[in-house]
Amino acid sequence: MIVAGFDSIVDTGGPAGGYVDGFVAPAPDKAAYLDMAAKAAPIFREYGATRVVEGWEDDVSDGKVTDYRRAVQAKDGENIVFSWIEWPDKATRDAGWAKVMADERMKPPGDMPFDGKRMFWGGFAPLLDE
């Protein structure tokens, strides 16, 4: 198990969704990452996401076997981003992602503010939501 704390730098939306996409990535520049995330969040909401949360590392410790830094092979000067997008259901998520990926507004104007090759993600059906 990997446990850590993150400071929410973007949190849009309302009640919890019925399907969640989770992401972990290394990012060196908080301002650049926040700029990208703040532009992307409304696009996800437009295509059906109920909530978008971007967390910047706040209390991320080194583990004995594994941890967030090892998981993304973080380099000196990089911070860990933990993010999730909530959707009403998986069907909305699948349709929403197709639209997001085709949307010209999602094309970065330059370099991405994180290394996507070291990012990991997954889709999750909630098991417990209290």
Protein backbone atom coordinates (compact mmCIF):
# COMPACT_ATOMS: atom_id res chain seq x y z
CA MET A 1 0.00 0.00 0.00
CA ILE A 2 1.20 3.51 -0.79
CA VAL A 3 -0.18 6.30 1.40
CA ALA A 4 0.45 10.02 0.90
CA GLY A 5 -1.14 13.44 1.22
CA PHE A 6 -1.81 15.84 -1.63
CA ASP A 7 -2.86 19.50 -1.73
CA SER A 8 -5.81 20.02 -4.08
CA ILE A 9 -4.77 22.60 -6.70
CA VAL A 10 -7.85 22.10 -8.95
CA ASP A 11 -11.21 20.79 -7.71
CA THR A 12 -14.20 21.34 -9.95
CA GLY A 13 -17.55 19.72 -9.70
CA GLY A 14 -20.10 18.37 -7.37
CA PRO A 15 -21.10 15.05 -5.89
CA ALA A 16 -19.12 11.87 -6.40
CA GLY A 17 -19.50 10.08 -9.70
CA GLY A 18 -20.16 6.42 -10.44
CA TYR A 19 -16.84 5.82 -12.22
CA VAL A 20 -13.38 7.23 -11.49
CA ASP A 21 -10.24 7.67 -13.58
CA GLY A 22 -7.09 7.99 -11.44
CA PHE A 23 -3.69 9.35 -12.47
CA VAL A 24 -0.23 9.67 -10.91
CA ALA A 25 2.56 11.60 -12.65
CA PRO A 26 5.83 13.42 -11.95
CA ALA A 27 5.82 17.17 -12.60
CA PRO A 28 8.65 19.69 -12.08
CA ASP A 29 6.75 22.98 -12.27
CA LYS A 30 3.57 23.56 -10.24
CA ALA A 31 2.55 26.74 -12.10
CA ALA A 32 2.89 25.12 -15.53
CA TYR A 33 1.03 22.00 -14.41
CA LEU A 34 -1.74 24.08 -12.81
CA ASP A 35 -2.14 26.15 -15.98
CA MET A 36 -2.58 22.99 -18.08
CA ALA A 37 -4.90 21.35 -15.55
CA ALA A 38 -7.10 24.43 -15.14
CA LYS A 39 -7.60 24.58 -18.92
CA ALA A 40 -8.37 20.86 -19.24
CA ALA A 41 -10.81 20.52 -16.33
CA PRO A 42 -13.69 22.47 -17.91
CA ILE A 43 -13.32 20.44 -21.12
CA PHE A 44 -13.69 17.19 -19.16
CA ARG A 45 -16.75 18.67 -17.42
CA GLU A 46 -18.18 19.72 -20.79
CA TYR A 47 -17.99 16.11 -21.97
CA GLY A 48 -19.66 14.59 -18.94
CA ALA A 49 -17.23 14.47 -16.01
CA THR A 50 -18.90 15.38 -12.73
CA ARG A 51 -15.67 16.33 -10.95
CA VAL A 52 -12.00 16.91 -11.74
CA VAL A 53 -9.42 17.00 -8.93
CA GLU A 54 -5.70 17.68 -9.32
CA GLY A 55 -3.56 17.08 -6.23
CA TRP A 56 -0.01 18.39 -5.75
CA GLU A 57 2.21 16.45 -3.35
CA ASP A 58 2.05 17.71 0.20
CA ASP A 59 2.97 14.73 2.42
CA VAL A 60 4.58 12.08 0.22
CA SER A 61 7.02 9.87 2.07
CA ASP A 62 9.57 7.39 0.80
CA GLY A 63 8.52 3.78 1.29
CA LYS A 64 10.59 0.74 2.14
CA VAL A 65 9.55 -1.32 -0.89
CA THR A 66 7.74 1.12 -3.17
CA ASP A 67 6.22 4.59 -3.13
CA TYR A 68 4.85 7.27 -5.44
CA ARG A 69 8.31 8.52 -6.44
CA ARG A 70 9.51 5.05 -7.39
CA ALA A 71 6.27 4.30 -9.19
CA VAL A 72 6.82 7.24 -11.59
CA GLN A 73 10.64 7.16 -11.45
CA ALA A 74 10.62 10.76 -10.18
CA LYS A 75 13.82 12.72 -10.73
CA ASP A 76 15.32 15.42 -8.52
CA GLY A 77 13.15 18.54 -8.66
CA GLU A 78 9.99 16.68 -9.67
CA ASN A 79 6.86 16.57 -7.54
CA ILE A 80 4.12 13.98 -7.55
CA VAL A 81 0.67 14.78 -8.96
CA PHE A 82 -2.27 12.61 -7.92
CA SER A 83 -5.43 13.33 -9.88
CA TRP A 84 -8.83 11.88 -10.54
CA ILE A 85 -11.84 12.50 -12.74
CA GLU A 86 -15.30 11.38 -11.64
CA TRP A 87 -17.95 10.39 -14.16
CA PRO A 88 -21.61 9.41 -13.72
CA ASP A 89 -20.87 5.96 -15.19
CA LYS A 90 -18.40 4.08 -17.39
CA ALA A 91 -20.39 4.65 -20.59
CA THR A 92 -20.26 8.44 -20.08
CA ARG A 93 -16.56 8.15 -19.30
CA ASP A 94 -15.83 6.18 -22.47
CA ALA A 95 -17.80 8.62 -24.65
CA GLY A 96 -16.32 11.62 -22.83
CA TRP A 97 -12.72 10.48 -23.28
CA ALA A 98 -13.28 9.98 -27.02
CA LYS A 99 -14.52 13.58 -27.28
CA VAL A 100 -11.74 14.95 -25.06
CA MET A 101 -9.04 13.26 -27.13
CA ALA A 102 -10.54 14.66 -30.36
CA ASP A 103 -10.97 18.20 -28.98
CA GLU A 104 -8.46 20.66 -30.46
CA ARG A 105 -8.44 22.62 -27.17
CA MET A 106 -6.66 19.68 -25.54
CA LYS A 107 -3.67 19.93 -27.87
CA PRO A 108 -0.75 21.35 -25.85
CA PRO A 109 0.71 24.61 -27.18
CA GLY A 110 4.20 23.39 -26.31
CA ASP A 111 5.82 20.81 -24.07
CA MET A 112 3.63 19.00 -21.57
CA PRO A 113 4.29 20.04 -17.95
CA PHE A 114 4.80 16.39 -16.91
CA ASP A 115 6.42 13.28 -18.33
CA GLY A 116 3.56 11.21 -19.74
CA LYS A 117 5.86 8.21 -20.27
CA ARG A 118 6.22 7.90 -16.49
CA MET A 119 2.57 8.60 -15.68
CA PHE A 120 0.26 5.74 -14.74
CA TRP A 121 -3.53 5.66 -14.70
CA GLY A 122 -6.55 3.45 -14.50
CA GLY A 123 -10.33 3.40 -14.41
CA PHE A 124 -12.12 2.32 -11.27
CA ALA A 125 -15.67 1.35 -10.34
CA PRO A 126 -16.31 2.57 -6.79
CA LEU A 127 -16.38 -0.20 -4.21
CA LEU A 128 -17.31 2.01 -1.24
CA ASP A 129 -18.40 5.67 -1.38
CA GLU A 130 -19.50 7.19 1.95
